[in-house]
Amino acid sequence: MQAEEFETIREFNIKFPSKIYICSRCGSLVSDPHQCNMCGCQSNNFLFSDKSYTYFIKDKNITNTIFKPVELEKGK
């Protein structure tokens, strides 16, 4: 999956204001974008990478892989 690009972290926060994420293993809604407190899965687990979300912040030159933000599931 290709990383979505944002100019700043502020742009990322505007697009995903809820700060709620979907665990790529068990589907639980979690507030930690990297660790599920229900099943212990981590967002960088290669077995579930197709269900995670990767983004790039241009002004910080940072790439991060997290659980999928819940906003991406709305409307499905």
N, C-alpha and C. Protein backbone atom coordinates (compact mmCIF):
# COMPACT_ATOMS: atom_id res chain seq x y z
N MET A 1 0.83 -1.18 0.00
CA MET A 1 0.00 0.00 0.00
C MET A 1 0.87 1.24 0.00
N GLN A 2 0.55 2.18 -0.85
CA GLN A 2 1.31 3.41 -0.96
C GLN A 2 0.91 4.37 0.15
N ALA A 3 1.87 5.09 0.70
CA ALA A 3 1.61 6.03 1.78
C ALA A 3 0.87 7.26 1.26
N GLU A 4 -0.12 7.71 2.04
CA GLU A 4 -0.80 8.96 1.73
C GLU A 4 0.08 10.09 2.25
N GLU A 5 0.19 11.16 1.47
CA GLU A 5 1.07 12.26 1.84
C GLU A 5 0.30 13.44 2.39
N PHE A 6 0.86 14.04 3.44
CA PHE A 6 0.33 15.24 4.06
C PHE A 6 1.48 16.25 4.18
N GLU A 7 1.19 17.51 4.00
CA GLU A 7 2.22 18.54 4.15
C GLU A 7 2.67 18.64 5.61
N THR A 8 1.68 18.62 6.54
CA THR A 8 1.97 18.76 7.97
C THR A 8 1.12 17.76 8.76
N ILE A 9 1.48 17.57 10.03
CA ILE A 9 0.69 16.71 10.90
C ILE A 9 -0.69 17.32 11.14
N ARG A 10 -0.77 18.63 11.05
CA ARG A 10 -2.06 19.31 11.20
C ARG A 10 -3.04 18.85 10.13
N GLU A 11 -2.58 18.71 8.89
CA GLU A 11 -3.42 18.21 7.80
C GLU A 11 -3.93 16.80 8.12
N PHE A 12 -3.06 15.95 8.64
CA PHE A 12 -3.47 14.60 9.03
C PHE A 12 -4.56 14.66 10.09
N ASN A 13 -4.37 15.50 11.11
CA ASN A 13 -5.34 15.62 12.20
C ASN A 13 -6.67 16.20 11.74
N ILE A 14 -6.66 17.05 10.74
CA ILE A 14 -7.90 17.59 10.19
C ILE A 14 -8.67 16.49 9.45
N LYS A 15 -7.96 15.65 8.73
CA LYS A 15 -8.62 14.58 7.98
C LYS A 15 -9.15 13.48 8.91
N PHE A 16 -8.45 13.22 10.02
CA PHE A 16 -8.82 12.15 10.95
C PHE A 16 -8.99 12.70 12.37
N PRO A 17 -10.03 13.49 12.60
CA PRO A 17 -10.18 14.17 13.90
C PRO A 17 -10.59 13.26 15.05
N SER A 18 -11.19 12.11 14.79
CA SER A 18 -11.71 11.26 15.87
C SER A 18 -10.62 10.64 16.73
N LYS A 19 -9.44 10.40 16.15
CA LYS A 19 -8.35 9.69 16.82
C LYS A 19 -8.80 8.30 17.29
N ILE A 20 -9.70 7.70 16.51
CA ILE A 20 -10.15 6.33 16.76
C ILE A 20 -9.69 5.48 15.57
N TYR A 21 -9.16 4.30 15.88
CA TYR A 21 -8.56 3.44 14.86
C TYR A 21 -9.15 2.04 14.95
N ILE A 22 -9.05 1.29 13.85
CA ILE A 22 -9.61 -0.06 13.78
C ILE A 22 -8.45 -1.06 13.78
N CYS A 23 -8.43 -1.93 14.78
CA CYS A 23 -7.38 -2.94 14.87
C CYS A 23 -7.42 -3.81 13.62
N SER A 24 -6.27 -4.02 13.03
CA SER A 24 -6.19 -4.80 11.79
C SER A 24 -6.36 -6.30 12.02
N ARG A 25 -6.28 -6.76 13.24
CA ARG A 25 -6.47 -8.18 13.52
C ARG A 25 -7.90 -8.49 13.98
N CYS A 26 -8.34 -7.84 15.07
CA CYS A 26 -9.63 -8.20 15.66
C CYS A 26 -10.77 -7.24 15.31
N GLY A 27 -10.46 -6.08 14.71
CA GLY A 27 -11.49 -5.14 14.32
C GLY A 27 -12.01 -4.25 15.43
N SER A 28 -11.40 -4.31 16.61
CA SER A 28 -11.82 -3.46 17.73
C SER A 28 -11.49 -2.01 17.44
N LEU A 29 -12.31 -1.11 17.98
CA LEU A 29 -12.02 0.32 17.91
C LEU A 29 -11.09 0.66 19.05
N VAL A 30 -9.97 1.29 18.74
CA VAL A 30 -8.95 1.62 19.74
C VAL A 30 -8.51 3.07 19.61
N SER A 31 -8.00 3.62 20.70
CA SER A 31 -7.51 5.00 20.67
C SER A 31 -6.01 5.08 20.41
N ASP A 32 -5.31 3.97 20.57
CA ASP A 32 -3.87 3.92 20.31
C ASP A 32 -3.68 3.48 18.86
N PRO A 33 -3.06 4.29 18.02
CA PRO A 33 -2.90 3.93 16.61
C PRO A 33 -1.89 2.82 16.34
N HIS A 34 -1.15 2.40 17.38
CA HIS A 34 -0.09 1.41 17.19
C HIS A 34 -0.30 0.08 17.90
N GLN A 35 -1.11 0.05 18.96
CA GLN A 35 -1.25 -1.15 19.79
C GLN A 35 -2.71 -1.36 20.17
N CYS A 36 -3.21 -2.58 19.94
CA CYS A 36 -4.58 -2.93 20.33
C CYS A 36 -4.57 -3.51 21.74
N ASN A 37 -5.37 -2.92 22.64
CA ASN A 37 -5.42 -3.43 24.00
C ASN A 37 -6.34 -4.64 24.13
N MET A 38 -7.07 -4.98 23.08
CA MET A 38 -7.96 -6.15 23.12
C MET A 38 -7.21 -7.44 22.75
N CYS A 39 -6.44 -7.40 21.67
CA CYS A 39 -5.78 -8.63 21.20
C CYS A 39 -4.25 -8.55 21.21
N GLY A 40 -3.71 -7.37 21.50
CA GLY A 40 -2.26 -7.23 21.56
C GLY A 40 -1.58 -7.01 20.22
N CYS A 41 -2.36 -6.91 19.16
CA CYS A 41 -1.78 -6.71 17.82
C CYS A 41 -1.11 -5.34 17.73
N GLN A 42 -0.05 -5.26 16.95
CA GLN A 42 0.62 -4.00 16.69
C GLN A 42 0.39 -3.61 15.23
N SER A 43 0.30 -2.31 14.99
CA SER A 43 -0.02 -1.81 13.65
C SER A 43 1.04 -2.15 12.62
N ASN A 44 2.27 -2.40 13.03
CA ASN A 44 3.34 -2.72 12.08
C ASN A 44 3.48 -4.21 11.84
N ASN A 45 2.51 -5.01 12.26
CA ASN A 45 2.53 -6.46 12.07
C ASN A 45 2.39 -6.77 10.57
N PHE A 46 3.40 -7.36 9.98
CA PHE A 46 3.40 -7.58 8.54
C PHE A 46 2.26 -8.50 8.07
N LEU A 47 1.74 -9.35 8.95
CA LEU A 47 0.66 -10.26 8.55
C LEU A 47 -0.65 -9.51 8.27
N PHE A 48 -0.79 -8.33 8.86
CA PHE A 48 -2.01 -7.57 8.69
C PHE A 48 -1.75 -6.22 8.02
N SER A 49 -0.65 -6.09 7.32
CA SER A 49 -0.27 -4.81 6.72
C SER A 49 -1.26 -4.33 5.67
N ASP A 50 -2.02 -5.25 5.06
CA ASP A 50 -3.01 -4.84 4.07
C ASP A 50 -4.21 -4.16 4.72
N LYS A 51 -4.35 -4.27 6.04
CA LYS A 51 -5.45 -3.64 6.75
C LYS A 51 -4.99 -2.45 7.59
N SER A 52 -3.75 -2.04 7.41
CA SER A 52 -3.22 -0.90 8.14
C SER A 52 -3.18 0.33 7.22
N TYR A 53 -2.72 1.43 7.75
CA TYR A 53 -2.70 2.70 7.01
C TYR A 53 -1.32 3.33 7.16
N THR A 54 -0.72 3.71 6.05
CA THR A 54 0.60 4.33 6.07
C THR A 54 0.49 5.75 5.54
N TYR A 55 1.14 6.67 6.24
CA TYR A 55 1.13 8.06 5.80
C TYR A 55 2.53 8.66 5.90
N PHE A 56 2.74 9.75 5.17
CA PHE A 56 4.01 10.44 5.13
C PHE A 56 3.76 11.92 5.42
N ILE A 57 4.52 12.48 6.37
CA ILE A 57 4.43 13.90 6.70
C ILE A 57 5.64 14.59 6.06
N LYS A 58 5.37 15.42 5.05
CA LYS A 58 6.45 16.03 4.26
C LYS A 58 7.36 16.94 5.08
N ASP A 59 6.77 17.84 5.91
CA ASP A 59 7.62 18.81 6.61
C ASP A 59 8.50 18.18 7.68
N LYS A 60 8.17 16.97 8.14
CA LYS A 60 8.98 16.27 9.13
C LYS A 60 9.77 15.11 8.52
N ASN A 61 9.46 14.79 7.25
CA ASN A 61 10.09 13.67 6.55
C ASN A 61 9.92 12.36 7.34
N ILE A 62 8.67 12.11 7.80
CA ILE A 62 8.36 10.94 8.62
C ILE A 62 7.31 10.08 7.92
N THR A 63 7.57 8.78 7.86
CA THR A 63 6.58 7.81 7.39
C THR A 63 6.15 6.98 8.59
N ASN A 64 4.85 6.75 8.73
CA ASN A 64 4.32 6.03 9.88
C ASN A 64 3.24 5.05 9.42
N THR A 65 3.22 3.87 10.01
CA THR A 65 2.17 2.88 9.75
C THR A 65 1.36 2.71 11.02
N ILE A 66 0.04 2.88 10.88
CA ILE A 66 -0.87 2.82 12.03
C ILE A 66 -2.07 1.95 11.66
N PHE A 67 -2.92 1.67 12.67
CA PHE A 67 -4.20 1.04 12.36
C PHE A 67 -5.01 1.99 11.50
N LYS A 68 -5.95 1.46 10.72
CA LYS A 68 -6.76 2.28 9.83
C LYS A 68 -7.64 3.24 10.63
N PRO A 69 -7.59 4.55 10.35
CA PRO A 69 -8.48 5.50 11.01
C PRO A 69 -9.95 5.17 10.69
N VAL A 70 -10.83 5.31 11.69
CA VAL A 70 -12.23 4.97 11.52
C VAL A 70 -12.90 5.81 10.43
N GLU A 71 -12.41 7.00 10.17
CA GLU A 71 -12.98 7.85 9.12
C GLU A 71 -12.90 7.19 7.74
N LEU A 72 -11.94 6.32 7.53
CA LEU A 72 -11.81 5.63 6.24
C LEU A 72 -12.92 4.60 6.03
N GLU A 73 -13.57 4.17 7.09
CA GLU A 73 -14.63 3.16 7.00
C GLU A 73 -16.02 3.79 6.86
N LYS A 74 -16.15 5.06 7.16
CA LYS A 74 -17.45 5.71 7.05
C LYS A 74 -17.92 5.72 5.61
N GLY A 75 -19.17 5.44 5.42
CA GLY A 75 -19.72 5.46 4.08
C GLY A 75 -19.61 4.13 3.36
N LYS A 76 -19.00 3.13 3.97
CA LYS A 76 -18.89 1.82 3.32
C LYS A 76 -20.09 0.99 3.64
